């Protein structure tokens, strides 16, 4: 009924259709949207075109819904691959510009991170200094109160001593008068 070549062709087409319908986990099953372009390696796969590489690099720059981060390194690798494999591509210059922008972005992110760390250290130091200042203020206030108390106490003692000296002088005068009278 069918020739051997036709049977082989029918089997190959049915296998291709079966493999084409078979997939791995879908976005609904895993709850993870498949944002990034995946490169599939198969026996019949051709090298990706420059358009494919550029699109794949751009897909790495989209935020991953699960991790909420962009893959700058992955995008940079794809762009470098595009420049290496297709030096005369229309996407070569945009890819080079994008690589420079990603490098600058990486540097800026590092600077921002360093600045945040420096700011956090400064805030911590400020808080420590404010606490220390409050402590010194309290101590100063206590010393000032002690000084005023000691000064008041010394004034009282001084007045008492003056009164005692005056009494002694009066007593001495009385004693001198008595001595004169008794002689």
Protein backbone atom coordinates (compact mmCIF):
# COMPACT_ATOMS: atom_id res chain seq x y z
CA UNK A 1 0.00 0.00 0.00
CA UNK A 2 2.57 2.68 1.01
CA UNK A 3 6.11 2.55 -0.15
CA UNK A 4 8.97 2.33 2.33
CA UNK A 5 9.97 6.00 1.76
CA UNK A 6 6.41 7.16 2.31
CA UNK A 7 6.17 5.17 5.55
CA UNK A 8 9.44 6.69 6.81
CA UNK A 9 8.21 10.16 5.82
CA UNK A 10 4.89 9.62 7.63
CA UNK A 11 6.70 8.37 10.76
CA UNK A 12 9.08 11.36 10.69
CA UNK A 13 6.21 13.84 10.25
CA UNK A 14 4.19 12.22 13.05
CA UNK A 15 7.24 12.26 15.35
CA UNK A 16 7.85 15.92 14.56
CA UNK A 17 4.23 16.70 15.31
CA UNK A 18 4.36 14.73 18.55
CA UNK A 19 7.56 16.45 19.66
CA UNK A 20 6.18 19.81 18.60
CA UNK A 21 3.16 19.34 20.84
CA UNK A 22 5.17 18.04 23.78
CA UNK A 23 6.40 20.81 26.05
CA UNK A 24 8.04 21.12 29.40
CA UNK A 25 6.42 23.01 32.24
CA UNK A 26 4.10 25.77 31.16
CA UNK A 27 3.72 29.15 32.79
CA UNK A 28 0.40 28.09 34.28
CA UNK A 29 1.86 24.94 35.83
CA UNK A 30 4.87 26.66 37.43
CA UNK A 31 3.34 30.03 38.16
CA UNK A 32 6.38 31.63 36.54
CA UNK A 33 5.94 33.55 33.33
CA UNK A 34 8.57 32.70 30.77
CA UNK A 35 9.92 36.17 30.03
CA UNK A 36 13.45 35.41 28.94
CA UNK A 37 14.13 33.92 25.57
CA UNK A 38 15.41 30.41 25.87
CA UNK A 39 17.85 28.99 23.42
CA UNK A 40 16.99 25.45 22.44
CA UNK A 41 19.69 23.16 21.23
CA UNK A 42 18.44 20.50 18.92
CA UNK A 43 19.82 18.46 16.13
CA UNK A 44 18.22 20.65 13.47
CA UNK A 45 18.79 24.00 15.23
CA UNK A 46 20.61 26.70 13.34
CA UNK A 47 22.83 29.34 14.92
CA UNK A 48 20.68 32.26 16.10
CA UNK A 49 20.56 35.23 13.77
CA UNK A 50 21.74 38.68 14.78
CA UNK A 51 18.09 39.72 15.18
CA UNK A 52 17.49 36.75 17.48
CA UNK A 53 20.55 37.52 19.59
CA UNK A 54 19.59 41.18 19.94
CA UNK A 55 16.00 40.26 20.85
CA UNK A 56 17.23 37.71 23.35
CA UNK A 57 19.56 40.29 24.92
CA UNK A 58 16.65 42.72 25.23
CA UNK A 59 14.52 40.02 26.82
CA UNK A 60 17.19 39.67 29.54
CA UNK A 61 16.72 43.36 30.30
CA UNK A 62 13.03 42.91 31.11
CA UNK A 63 12.28 42.38 34.80
CA UNK A 64 11.79 38.78 35.80
CA UNK A 65 8.34 38.57 37.41
CA UNK A 66 9.47 36.00 39.97
CA UNK A 67 12.82 37.45 41.05
CA UNK A 68 11.90 41.06 40.17
CA UNK A 69 15.39 41.63 38.81
CA UNK A 70 16.88 42.14 35.41
CA UNK A 71 19.76 39.99 34.18
CA UNK A 72 22.28 42.60 33.04
CA UNK A 73 25.09 40.05 32.79
CA UNK A 74 23.02 37.73 30.60
CA UNK A 75 22.08 40.62 28.31
CA UNK A 76 25.71 41.73 28.10
CA UNK A 77 26.84 38.20 27.20
CA UNK A 78 24.29 37.98 24.38
CA UNK A 79 25.27 41.39 23.04
CA UNK A 80 28.96 40.44 23.11
CA UNK A 81 28.09 37.20 21.32
CA UNK A 82 26.21 39.23 18.68
CA UNK A 83 29.23 41.51 18.12
CA UNK A 84 31.58 38.52 17.94
CA UNK A 85 29.46 36.40 15.58
CA UNK A 86 28.11 39.20 13.39
CA UNK A 87 30.70 42.00 13.15
CA UNK A 88 28.91 43.56 10.14
CA UNK A 89 25.40 43.37 11.57
CA UNK A 90 23.07 46.34 11.65
CA UNK A 91 22.75 45.62 15.41
CA UNK A 92 26.52 45.81 16.06
CA UNK A 93 26.61 49.53 16.98
CA UNK A 94 23.42 49.47 19.08
CA UNK A 95 24.78 46.38 20.84
CA UNK A 96 28.10 48.11 21.55
CA UNK A 97 26.27 51.20 22.80
CA UNK A 98 24.05 49.04 24.99
CA UNK A 99 27.09 47.23 26.42
CA UNK A 100 28.66 50.61 27.31
CA UNK A 101 25.38 51.71 28.89
CA UNK A 102 25.19 48.47 30.89
CA UNK A 103 28.79 48.96 32.06
CA UNK A 104 27.97 52.51 33.14
CA UNK A 105 24.80 51.30 34.82
CA UNK A 106 26.80 48.69 36.73
CA UNK A 107 29.28 51.35 37.86
CA UNK A 108 26.47 53.69 38.88
CA UNK A 109 24.72 50.94 40.81
CA UNK A 110 27.96 50.19 42.64
CA UNK A 111 28.40 53.89 43.44
CA UNK A 112 24.81 54.14 44.67
CA UNK A 113 25.36 51.08 46.84
CA UNK A 114 28.57 52.58 48.25
CA UNK A 115 26.80 55.88 48.87
CA UNK A 116 23.95 54.10 50.66
CA UNK A 117 26.47 52.26 52.84
CA UNK A 118 28.28 55.53 53.58
CA UNK A 119 24.96 57.22 54.37
CA UNK A 120 23.98 54.37 56.69
CA UNK A 121 27.33 54.63 58.47
CA UNK A 122 26.93 58.42 58.75
CA UNK A 123 23.42 58.04 60.17
CA UNK A 124 24.68 55.47 62.67
CA UNK A 125 27.57 57.75 63.65
CA UNK A 126 25.19 60.72 63.92
CA UNK A 127 22.86 58.74 66.19
CA UNK A 128 25.81 57.68 68.34
CA UNK A 129 27.02 61.29 68.58
CA UNK A 130 23.52 62.54 69.43
CA UNK A 131 23.29 59.98 72.26
CA UNK A 132 26.76 60.92 73.46
CA UNK A 133 25.83 64.62 73.30
CA UNK A 134 22.69 63.98 75.36
CA UNK A 135 24.74 62.03 77.88
CA UNK A 136 27.31 64.84 78.15
CA UNK A 137 24.48 67.36 78.48
CA UNK A 138 22.93 65.41 81.35
CA UNK A 139 26.30 65.04 83.02
CA UNK A 140 26.97 68.76 82.59
CA UNK A 141 23.59 69.59 84.09
CA UNK A 142 24.27 67.34 87.07
CA UNK A 143 27.69 68.91 87.58
CA UNK A 144 26.18 72.38 87.33
CA UNK A 145 23.55 71.50 89.95
CA UNK A 146 26.26 70.07 92.18
CA UNK A 147 28.32 73.25 91.69
CA UNK A 148 25.34 75.44 92.66
CA UNK A 149 24.61 73.25 95.70
CA UNK A 150 28.25 73.30 96.79
CA UNK A 151 28.42 77.07 96.24
CA UNK A 152 25.27 77.60 98.31
CA UNK A 153 26.64 75.31 101.02
CA UNK A 154 29.96 77.17 101.03
CA UNK A 155 28.19 80.54 101.22
CA UNK A 156 26.19 79.29 104.19
CA UNK A 157 29.33 78.00 105.89
CA UNK A 158 31.11 81.28 105.11
CA UNK A 159 28.30 83.29 106.69
CA UNK A 160 28.35 80.98 109.70
CA UNK A 161 32.13 81.44 110.00
CA UNK A 162 31.75 85.23 109.74
CA UNK A 163 29.14 85.14 112.49
CA UNK A 164 31.37 82.90 114.60
CA UNK A 165 34.35 85.25 114.06
CA UNK A 166 32.19 88.24 115.03
CA UNK A 167 31.04 86.41 118.16
CA UNK A 168 34.65 85.60 118.98
CA UNK A 169 35.65 89.23 118.49
CA UNK A 170 32.78 90.36 120.71
CA UNK A 171 33.76 87.80 123.32
CA UNK A 172 37.35 88.91 123.16
CA UNK A 173 36.30 92.53 123.59
CA UNK A 174 34.15 91.56 126.59
CA UNK A 175 37.01 89.58 128.03
CA UNK A 176 39.39 92.48 127.60
CA UNK A 177 36.88 94.78 129.32
CA UNK A 178 36.48 92.35 132.21
CA UNK A 179 40.20 92.02 132.56
CA UNK A 180 40.50 95.78 132.72
CA UNK A 181 37.78 95.99 135.31
CA UNK A 182 39.22 93.23 137.38
CA UNK A 183 42.66 94.75 137.49
